[in-house]
């Protein structure tokens, strides 16, 4: 593990701990606050379906199934999951991107991480120079920028 990878991993773990990113579902009513119209429409649709089923002689016996399905399927809207950020997800475009997005491209690294990299004796002068160059060019760096800085150095150091 390179020094930059270690520093990135430590920083990502700090974020996961501070933001309670642990992949566990937590009960939340944020869905109702964010989408009140959709919430009301869901219940209106359920009530309309319930009314049709109750008045229909063929469907009256399966009203319990409607209620069970409605409760189970609605239950998913009342839980939020904070996905864990992981170093291994950086630069990976697969199904996990649907789950937690491309956080490594949209989230900026804190200044403390940049300072730790610049002051670390285990980081090469070339990497520090490229980091300073990226900072002057972009202003703010994402996790992918730091990852690519380390990745490019590893590829140059170990040709195949």
N, C-alpha and C. Protein backbone atom coordinates (compact mmCIF):
# COMPACT_ATOMS: atom_id res chain seq x y z
N UNK A 1 0.85 -1.17 0.00
CA UNK A 1 0.00 0.00 0.00
C UNK A 1 0.90 1.23 0.00
N UNK A 2 0.62 2.13 -0.93
CA UNK A 2 1.42 3.36 -1.00
C UNK A 2 0.97 4.33 0.09
N UNK A 3 1.78 5.33 0.32
CA UNK A 3 1.47 6.32 1.34
C UNK A 3 0.20 7.11 0.98
N UNK A 4 0.05 7.47 -0.28
CA UNK A 4 -1.15 8.20 -0.70
C UNK A 4 -2.38 7.32 -0.52
N UNK A 5 -2.27 6.05 -0.87
CA UNK A 5 -3.40 5.14 -0.69
C UNK A 5 -3.76 5.01 0.79
N UNK A 6 -2.76 4.93 1.64
CA UNK A 6 -3.01 4.83 3.08
C UNK A 6 -3.70 6.09 3.61
N UNK A 7 -3.20 7.27 3.18
CA UNK A 7 -3.80 8.52 3.62
C UNK A 7 -5.23 8.66 3.11
N UNK A 8 -5.45 8.29 1.86
CA UNK A 8 -6.82 8.33 1.31
C UNK A 8 -7.74 7.39 2.08
N UNK A 9 -7.28 6.17 2.34
CA UNK A 9 -8.09 5.19 3.05
C UNK A 9 -8.43 5.69 4.46
N UNK A 10 -7.45 6.24 5.15
CA UNK A 10 -7.70 6.78 6.50
C UNK A 10 -8.73 7.91 6.45
N UNK A 11 -8.60 8.80 5.46
CA UNK A 11 -9.54 9.90 5.34
C UNK A 11 -10.95 9.41 5.02
N UNK A 12 -11.05 8.43 4.15
CA UNK A 12 -12.36 7.87 3.80
C UNK A 12 -13.00 7.22 5.02
N UNK A 13 -12.21 6.53 5.82
CA UNK A 13 -12.75 5.91 7.04
C UNK A 13 -13.23 6.97 8.03
N UNK A 14 -12.52 8.10 8.11
CA UNK A 14 -12.96 9.19 8.98
C UNK A 14 -14.31 9.74 8.51
N UNK A 15 -14.47 9.89 7.21
CA UNK A 15 -15.75 10.37 6.66
C UNK A 15 -16.85 9.38 6.98
N UNK A 16 -16.59 8.09 6.76
CA UNK A 16 -17.59 7.06 7.04
C UNK A 16 -18.03 7.10 8.50
N UNK A 17 -17.07 7.27 9.39
CA UNK A 17 -17.40 7.31 10.82
C UNK A 17 -18.17 8.59 11.17
N UNK A 18 -17.71 9.73 10.68
CA UNK A 18 -18.35 11.01 11.01
C UNK A 18 -19.77 11.11 10.46
N UNK A 19 -20.00 10.55 9.27
CA UNK A 19 -21.32 10.66 8.64
C UNK A 19 -22.18 9.41 8.87
N UNK A 20 -21.71 8.51 9.71
CA UNK A 20 -22.42 7.27 10.02
C UNK A 20 -22.76 6.50 8.75
N UNK A 21 -21.77 6.35 7.90
CA UNK A 21 -21.93 5.59 6.66
C UNK A 21 -21.55 4.14 6.96
N UNK A 22 -22.57 3.31 7.17
CA UNK A 22 -22.30 1.93 7.57
C UNK A 22 -23.16 0.90 6.83
N UNK A 23 -23.82 1.33 5.77
CA UNK A 23 -24.66 0.44 4.94
C UNK A 23 -25.85 -0.13 5.68
N UNK A 24 -26.19 0.39 6.84
CA UNK A 24 -27.33 -0.13 7.59
C UNK A 24 -28.58 0.71 7.30
N UNK A 25 -29.72 0.06 7.13
CA UNK A 25 -30.95 0.82 6.91
C UNK A 25 -31.40 1.48 8.21
N UNK A 26 -31.83 2.73 8.11
CA UNK A 26 -32.34 3.47 9.26
C UNK A 26 -33.71 4.02 8.92
N UNK A 27 -34.63 3.92 9.89
CA UNK A 27 -35.97 4.45 9.68
C UNK A 27 -35.89 5.96 9.54
N UNK A 28 -36.59 6.49 8.55
CA UNK A 28 -36.56 7.92 8.28
C UNK A 28 -37.83 8.32 7.56
N UNK A 29 -38.32 9.51 7.85
CA UNK A 29 -39.49 10.02 7.13
C UNK A 29 -39.08 11.07 6.10
N UNK A 30 -37.84 11.04 5.70
CA UNK A 30 -37.36 12.02 4.72
C UNK A 30 -38.10 11.89 3.39
N UNK A 31 -38.57 10.68 3.06
CA UNK A 31 -39.33 10.48 1.82
C UNK A 31 -40.59 11.34 1.84
N UNK A 32 -41.28 11.38 2.96
CA UNK A 32 -42.51 12.18 3.07
C UNK A 32 -42.19 13.67 2.94
N UNK A 33 -41.08 14.10 3.55
CA UNK A 33 -40.70 15.52 3.47
C UNK A 33 -40.25 15.91 2.06
N UNK A 34 -39.55 15.01 1.38
CA UNK A 34 -39.04 15.32 0.05
C UNK A 34 -40.10 15.21 -1.03
N UNK A 35 -41.00 14.24 -0.90
CA UNK A 35 -41.99 13.97 -1.95
C UNK A 35 -43.40 13.86 -1.35
N UNK A 36 -43.93 14.93 -0.78
CA UNK A 36 -45.26 14.83 -0.16
C UNK A 36 -46.36 14.51 -1.17
N UNK A 37 -46.26 15.03 -2.38
CA UNK A 37 -47.27 14.76 -3.40
C UNK A 37 -47.29 13.29 -3.80
N UNK A 38 -46.12 12.72 -3.98
CA UNK A 38 -46.04 11.30 -4.31
C UNK A 38 -46.56 10.44 -3.17
N UNK A 39 -46.25 10.82 -1.95
CA UNK A 39 -46.74 10.09 -0.78
C UNK A 39 -48.27 10.08 -0.74
N UNK A 40 -48.88 11.23 -0.98
CA UNK A 40 -50.35 11.33 -0.98
C UNK A 40 -50.93 10.54 -2.15
N UNK A 41 -50.29 10.62 -3.31
CA UNK A 41 -50.77 9.88 -4.49
C UNK A 41 -50.71 8.37 -4.26
N UNK A 42 -49.67 7.90 -3.57
CA UNK A 42 -49.56 6.47 -3.28
C UNK A 42 -50.74 6.01 -2.41
N UNK A 43 -51.04 6.78 -1.40
CA UNK A 43 -52.14 6.39 -0.52
C UNK A 43 -53.49 6.55 -1.21
N UNK A 44 -53.64 7.56 -2.06
CA UNK A 44 -54.89 7.70 -2.82
C UNK A 44 -55.07 6.52 -3.76
N UNK A 45 -53.99 6.10 -4.42
CA UNK A 45 -54.06 4.93 -5.30
C UNK A 45 -54.38 3.66 -4.53
N UNK A 46 -53.82 3.53 -3.35
CA UNK A 46 -54.10 2.37 -2.52
C UNK A 46 -55.57 2.35 -2.09
N UNK A 47 -56.08 3.53 -1.69
CA UNK A 47 -57.49 3.60 -1.28
C UNK A 47 -58.42 3.30 -2.45
N UNK A 48 -58.10 3.80 -3.64
CA UNK A 48 -58.93 3.52 -4.81
C UNK A 48 -58.91 2.03 -5.14
N UNK A 49 -57.75 1.41 -5.08
CA UNK A 49 -57.65 -0.03 -5.35
C UNK A 49 -58.39 -0.82 -4.28
N UNK A 50 -58.29 -0.39 -3.04
CA UNK A 50 -59.00 -1.06 -1.95
C UNK A 50 -60.51 -0.97 -2.16
N UNK A 51 -60.99 0.20 -2.57
CA UNK A 51 -62.43 0.36 -2.80
C UNK A 51 -62.90 -0.55 -3.92
N UNK A 52 -62.16 -0.63 -5.02
CA UNK A 52 -62.53 -1.50 -6.13
C UNK A 52 -62.55 -2.96 -5.68
N UNK A 53 -61.54 -3.34 -4.91
CA UNK A 53 -61.46 -4.74 -4.46
C UNK A 53 -62.60 -5.09 -3.50
N UNK A 54 -62.97 -4.15 -2.65
CA UNK A 54 -64.04 -4.43 -1.70
C UNK A 54 -65.40 -4.55 -2.38
N UNK A 55 -65.60 -3.80 -3.44
CA UNK A 55 -66.89 -3.86 -4.16
C UNK A 55 -66.94 -4.98 -5.19
N UNK A 56 -65.82 -5.57 -5.50
CA UNK A 56 -65.78 -6.66 -6.47
C UNK A 56 -65.92 -8.00 -5.76
N UNK A 57 -66.92 -8.80 -6.14
CA UNK A 57 -67.08 -10.09 -5.47
C UNK A 57 -65.90 -11.04 -5.74
N UNK A 58 -65.25 -10.90 -6.89
CA UNK A 58 -64.15 -11.80 -7.21
C UNK A 58 -62.88 -11.45 -6.45
N UNK A 59 -62.69 -10.17 -6.12
CA UNK A 59 -61.46 -9.74 -5.47
C UNK A 59 -61.60 -9.49 -3.97
N UNK A 60 -62.78 -9.55 -3.44
CA UNK A 60 -63.00 -9.23 -2.04
C UNK A 60 -62.23 -10.14 -1.10
N UNK A 61 -62.01 -11.38 -1.50
CA UNK A 61 -61.31 -12.32 -0.62
C UNK A 61 -59.79 -12.08 -0.60
N UNK A 62 -59.26 -11.34 -1.56
CA UNK A 62 -57.82 -11.12 -1.59
C UNK A 62 -57.41 -9.71 -1.15
N UNK A 63 -58.28 -9.03 -0.42
CA UNK A 63 -57.96 -7.70 0.09
C UNK A 63 -56.77 -7.77 1.03
N UNK A 64 -56.66 -8.82 1.79
CA UNK A 64 -55.53 -8.96 2.72
C UNK A 64 -54.20 -8.96 1.96
N UNK A 65 -54.20 -9.56 0.76
CA UNK A 65 -52.98 -9.59 -0.04
C UNK A 65 -52.58 -8.18 -0.48
N UNK A 66 -53.57 -7.38 -0.87
CA UNK A 66 -53.30 -5.99 -1.24
C UNK A 66 -52.67 -5.25 -0.07
N UNK A 67 -53.24 -5.40 1.11
CA UNK A 67 -52.72 -4.69 2.28
C UNK A 67 -51.30 -5.14 2.63
N UNK A 68 -51.05 -6.43 2.57
CA UNK A 68 -49.71 -6.93 2.89
C UNK A 68 -48.69 -6.42 1.87
N UNK A 69 -49.02 -6.50 0.60
CA UNK A 69 -48.09 -6.00 -0.43
C UNK A 69 -47.85 -4.51 -0.30
N UNK A 70 -48.90 -3.75 0.00
CA UNK A 70 -48.77 -2.31 0.14
C UNK A 70 -47.85 -1.97 1.32
N UNK A 71 -48.02 -2.65 2.43
CA UNK A 71 -47.19 -2.38 3.60
C UNK A 71 -45.73 -2.75 3.33
N UNK A 72 -45.52 -3.90 2.73
CA UNK A 72 -44.14 -4.34 2.46
C UNK A 72 -43.46 -3.41 1.46
N UNK A 73 -44.13 -3.11 0.36
CA UNK A 73 -43.52 -2.28 -0.67
C UNK A 73 -43.33 -0.83 -0.21
N UNK A 74 -44.26 -0.33 0.61
CA UNK A 74 -44.11 1.03 1.14
C UNK A 74 -43.03 1.11 2.20
N UNK A 75 -42.78 0.00 2.86
CA UNK A 75 -41.76 0.01 3.90
C UNK A 75 -40.40 0.43 3.39
N UNK A 76 -40.11 0.16 2.12
CA UNK A 76 -38.82 0.54 1.57
C UNK A 76 -38.64 2.05 1.50
N UNK A 77 -39.73 2.79 1.39
CA UNK A 77 -39.63 4.24 1.29
C UNK A 77 -39.29 4.89 2.63
N UNK A 78 -39.46 4.18 3.71
CA UNK A 78 -39.26 4.75 5.03
C UNK A 78 -37.92 4.37 5.65
N UNK A 79 -37.02 3.88 4.83
CA UNK A 79 -35.68 3.56 5.31
C UNK A 79 -34.66 4.21 4.41
N UNK A 80 -33.66 4.81 5.03
CA UNK A 80 -32.54 5.39 4.31
C UNK A 80 -31.29 4.56 4.61
N UNK A 81 -30.44 4.45 3.62
CA UNK A 81 -29.18 3.75 3.79
C UNK A 81 -28.07 4.70 3.39
N UNK A 82 -27.10 4.88 4.28
CA UNK A 82 -25.92 5.66 3.96
C UNK A 82 -24.82 4.70 3.54
N UNK A 83 -24.54 4.60 2.25
CA UNK A 83 -23.53 3.65 1.79
C UNK A 83 -22.13 4.06 2.23
N UNK A 84 -21.32 3.08 2.56
CA UNK A 84 -19.93 3.32 2.93
C UNK A 84 -19.13 3.70 1.70
N UNK A 85 -18.27 4.68 1.88
CA UNK A 85 -17.30 4.99 0.85
C UNK A 85 -16.12 4.03 1.03
N UNK A 86 -15.58 3.57 -0.08
CA UNK A 86 -14.44 2.66 -0.01
C UNK A 86 -13.40 3.07 -1.05
N UNK A 87 -12.16 2.89 -0.69
CA UNK A 87 -11.07 3.20 -1.61
C UNK A 87 -11.20 2.36 -2.88
N UNK A 88 -11.60 1.12 -2.73
CA UNK A 88 -11.68 0.22 -3.88
C UNK A 88 -12.79 0.61 -4.87
N UNK A 89 -13.70 1.51 -4.47
CA UNK A 89 -14.75 1.97 -5.38
C UNK A 89 -14.31 3.10 -6.29
N UNK A 90 -13.20 3.72 -5.96
CA UNK A 90 -12.71 4.84 -6.77
C UNK A 90 -12.30 4.29 -8.14
N UNK A 91 -12.78 4.93 -9.18
CA UNK A 91 -12.48 4.57 -10.57
C UNK A 91 -13.12 3.26 -11.00
N UNK A 92 -14.16 2.82 -10.29
CA UNK A 92 -14.88 1.61 -10.67
C UNK A 92 -16.26 2.03 -11.14
N UNK A 93 -16.56 1.71 -12.38
CA UNK A 93 -17.88 2.04 -12.92
C UNK A 93 -18.65 0.75 -13.13
N UNK A 94 -19.38 0.35 -12.12
CA UNK A 94 -20.21 -0.84 -12.21
C UNK A 94 -21.51 -0.58 -11.46
N UNK A 95 -22.17 -1.61 -11.03
CA UNK A 95 -23.48 -1.47 -10.39
C UNK A 95 -23.41 -0.64 -9.11
N UNK A 96 -22.26 -0.62 -8.45
CA UNK A 96 -22.14 0.15 -7.21
C UNK A 96 -22.35 1.64 -7.44
N UNK A 97 -22.07 2.13 -8.65
CA UNK A 97 -22.27 3.54 -8.96
C UNK A 97 -23.76 3.90 -8.84
N UNK A 98 -24.63 2.95 -9.17
CA UNK A 98 -26.07 3.19 -9.01
C UNK A 98 -26.43 3.34 -7.54
N UNK A 99 -25.69 2.67 -6.68
CA UNK A 99 -25.99 2.66 -5.26
C UNK A 99 -25.47 3.91 -4.55
N UNK A 100 -24.24 4.26 -4.77
CA UNK A 100 -23.70 5.41 -4.05
C UNK A 100 -23.12 6.49 -4.96
N UNK A 101 -23.36 6.40 -6.23
CA UNK A 101 -22.95 7.46 -7.15
C UNK A 101 -21.45 7.53 -7.34
N UNK A 102 -21.01 8.49 -8.07
CA UNK A 102 -19.58 8.71 -8.28
C UNK A 102 -19.10 9.74 -7.27
N UNK A 103 -19.21 9.37 -5.99
CA UNK A 103 -18.83 10.28 -4.92
C UNK A 103 -17.39 10.74 -5.05
N UNK A 104 -16.53 9.90 -5.59
CA UNK A 104 -15.11 10.22 -5.68
C UNK A 104 -14.83 11.31 -6.71
N UNK A 105 -15.78 11.60 -7.60
CA UNK A 105 -15.62 12.69 -8.56
C UNK A 105 -16.31 13.97 -8.09
N UNK A 106 -17.29 13.85 -7.23
CA UNK A 106 -18.09 15.01 -6.84
C UNK A 106 -17.76 15.53 -5.45
N UNK A 107 -17.04 14.76 -4.68
CA UNK A 107 -16.70 15.18 -3.32
C UNK A 107 -15.24 15.63 -3.29
N UNK A 108 -15.01 16.77 -2.68
CA UNK A 108 -13.66 17.32 -2.63
C UNK A 108 -12.93 16.87 -1.37
N UNK A 109 -11.63 16.68 -1.52
CA UNK A 109 -10.82 16.26 -0.37
C UNK A 109 -10.60 17.45 0.56
N UNK A 110 -10.50 17.19 1.85
CA UNK A 110 -10.22 18.30 2.77
C UNK A 110 -8.77 18.76 2.65
N UNK A 111 -8.56 19.98 3.05
CA UNK A 111 -7.21 20.56 2.98
C UNK A 111 -6.23 19.78 3.85
N UNK A 112 -6.71 19.21 4.94
CA UNK A 112 -5.82 18.44 5.82
C UNK A 112 -5.21 17.24 5.10
N UNK A 113 -5.98 16.59 4.23
CA UNK A 113 -5.45 15.46 3.47
C UNK A 113 -4.35 15.93 2.51
N UNK A 114 -4.58 17.05 1.85
CA UNK A 114 -3.57 17.59 0.94
C UNK A 114 -2.31 17.96 1.72
N UNK A 115 -2.49 18.58 2.89
CA UNK A 115 -1.34 18.93 3.72
C UNK A 115 -0.58 17.69 4.18
N UNK A 116 -1.32 16.65 4.55
CA UNK A 116 -0.67 15.40 4.98
C UNK A 116 0.16 14.79 3.86
N UNK A 117 -0.37 14.85 2.65
CA UNK A 117 0.38 14.30 1.51
C UNK A 117 1.62 15.15 1.24
N UNK A 118 1.46 16.48 1.28
CA UNK A 118 2.59 17.37 0.98
C UNK A 118 3.68 17.30 2.05
N UNK A 119 3.31 16.98 3.29
CA UNK A 119 4.31 16.93 4.37
C UNK A 119 4.79 15.52 4.68
N UNK A 120 4.30 14.53 3.99
CA UNK A 120 4.71 13.16 4.25
C UNK A 120 6.06 12.87 3.60
N UNK A 121 7.00 12.33 4.36
CA UNK A 121 8.29 11.99 3.77
C UNK A 121 8.22 10.77 2.86
N UNK A 122 7.15 9.97 2.96
CA UNK A 122 7.02 8.76 2.14
C UNK A 122 6.48 9.05 0.74
N UNK A 123 6.04 10.27 0.50
CA UNK A 123 5.52 10.65 -0.82
C UNK A 123 6.66 11.28 -1.61
N UNK A 124 6.80 10.87 -2.86
CA UNK A 124 7.92 11.35 -3.68
C UNK A 124 7.76 12.83 -4.02
N UNK A 125 8.88 13.46 -4.35
CA UNK A 125 8.85 14.87 -4.73
C UNK A 125 8.09 15.07 -6.03
N UNK A 126 8.15 14.10 -6.93
CA UNK A 126 7.40 14.19 -8.19
C UNK A 126 5.90 14.21 -7.94
N UNK A 127 5.45 13.37 -7.03
CA UNK A 127 4.02 13.36 -6.70
C UNK A 127 3.60 14.66 -6.04
N UNK A 128 4.45 15.18 -5.16
CA UNK A 128 4.13 16.45 -4.50
C UNK A 128 4.07 17.58 -5.53
N UNK A 129 4.99 17.56 -6.49
CA UNK A 129 5.01 18.58 -7.54
C UNK A 129 3.72 18.50 -8.38
N UNK A 130 3.33 17.27 -8.76
CA UNK A 130 2.09 17.10 -9.54
C UNK A 130 0.86 17.52 -8.73
N UNK A 131 0.90 17.26 -7.43
CA UNK A 131 -0.21 17.67 -6.56
C UNK A 131 -0.32 19.18 -6.51
N UNK A 132 0.79 19.85 -6.35
CA UNK A 132 0.77 21.33 -6.35
C UNK A 132 0.28 21.87 -7.70
N UNK A 133 0.70 21.21 -8.78
CA UNK A 133 0.27 21.62 -10.11
C UNK A 133 -1.24 21.44 -10.27
N UNK A 134 -1.76 20.32 -9.80
CA UNK A 134 -3.21 20.09 -9.86
C UNK A 134 -3.96 21.14 -9.04
N UNK A 135 -3.41 21.48 -7.88
CA UNK A 135 -4.06 22.48 -7.02
C UNK A 135 -4.13 23.83 -7.70
N UNK A 136 -3.06 24.24 -8.35
CA UNK A 136 -3.10 25.54 -9.02
C UNK A 136 -4.01 25.51 -10.24
N UNK A 137 -4.08 24.36 -10.91
CA UNK A 137 -4.92 24.26 -12.10
C UNK A 137 -6.40 24.19 -11.74
N UNK A 138 -6.74 23.33 -10.80
CA UNK A 138 -8.15 23.07 -10.49
C UNK A 138 -8.70 23.84 -9.29
N UNK A 139 -7.85 24.18 -8.35
CA UNK A 139 -8.32 24.87 -7.15
C UNK A 139 -8.73 23.88 -6.07
N UNK A 140 -9.71 23.05 -6.34
CA UNK A 140 -10.16 22.02 -5.41
C UNK A 140 -9.95 20.66 -6.06
N UNK A 141 -9.56 19.70 -5.25
CA UNK A 141 -9.29 18.38 -5.79
C UNK A 141 -10.31 17.38 -5.27
N UNK A 142 -10.73 16.48 -6.14
CA UNK A 142 -11.63 15.41 -5.74
C UNK A 142 -10.81 14.20 -5.33
N UNK A 143 -11.48 13.22 -4.77
CA UNK A 143 -10.80 11.99 -4.38
C UNK A 143 -10.22 11.28 -5.60
N UNK A 144 -10.89 11.41 -6.72
CA UNK A 144 -10.36 10.79 -7.93
C UNK A 144 -9.05 11.44 -8.37
N UNK A 145 -8.92 12.75 -8.18
CA UNK A 145 -7.68 13.44 -8.53
C UNK A 145 -6.50 12.88 -7.74
N UNK A 146 -6.70 12.70 -6.45
CA UNK A 146 -5.63 12.16 -5.60
C UNK A 146 -5.37 10.70 -5.97
N UNK A 147 -6.43 9.95 -6.22
CA UNK A 147 -6.29 8.55 -6.62
C UNK A 147 -5.50 8.45 -7.92
N UNK A 148 -5.83 9.29 -8.90
CA UNK A 148 -5.14 9.23 -10.19
C UNK A 148 -3.68 9.66 -10.07
N UNK A 149 -3.39 10.56 -9.14
CA UNK A 149 -2.01 10.97 -8.88
C UNK A 149 -1.20 9.76 -8.42
N UNK A 150 -1.76 8.98 -7.52
CA UNK A 150 -1.08 7.78 -7.02
C UNK A 150 -1.06 6.68 -8.07
N UNK A 151 -2.16 6.53 -8.80
CA UNK A 151 -2.26 5.48 -9.81
C UNK A 151 -1.25 5.69 -10.94
N UNK A 152 -1.10 6.93 -11.39
CA UNK A 152 -0.16 7.19 -12.49
C UNK A 152 1.27 6.89 -12.07
N UNK A 153 1.59 7.16 -10.83
CA UNK A 153 2.94 6.89 -10.32
C UNK A 153 3.18 5.38 -10.25
N UNK A 154 2.19 4.63 -9.82
CA UNK A 154 2.35 3.17 -9.72
C UNK A 154 2.50 2.55 -11.09
N UNK A 155 1.79 3.07 -12.09
CA UNK A 155 1.89 2.52 -13.44
C UNK A 155 3.25 2.80 -14.06
N UNK A 156 3.79 3.99 -13.79
CA UNK A 156 5.10 4.34 -14.32
C UNK A 156 6.18 3.53 -13.62
N UNK A 157 6.03 3.31 -12.31
CA UNK A 157 7.06 2.60 -11.54
C UNK A 157 7.13 1.11 -11.88
N UNK A 158 5.99 0.52 -12.26
CA UNK A 158 5.99 -0.93 -12.53
C UNK A 158 5.46 -1.22 -13.93
N UNK A 159 6.30 -1.06 -14.96
CA UNK A 159 5.83 -1.37 -16.32
C UNK A 159 5.62 -2.86 -16.48
N UNK A 160 4.68 -3.21 -17.35
CA UNK A 160 4.36 -4.63 -17.54
C UNK A 160 4.76 -5.12 -18.88
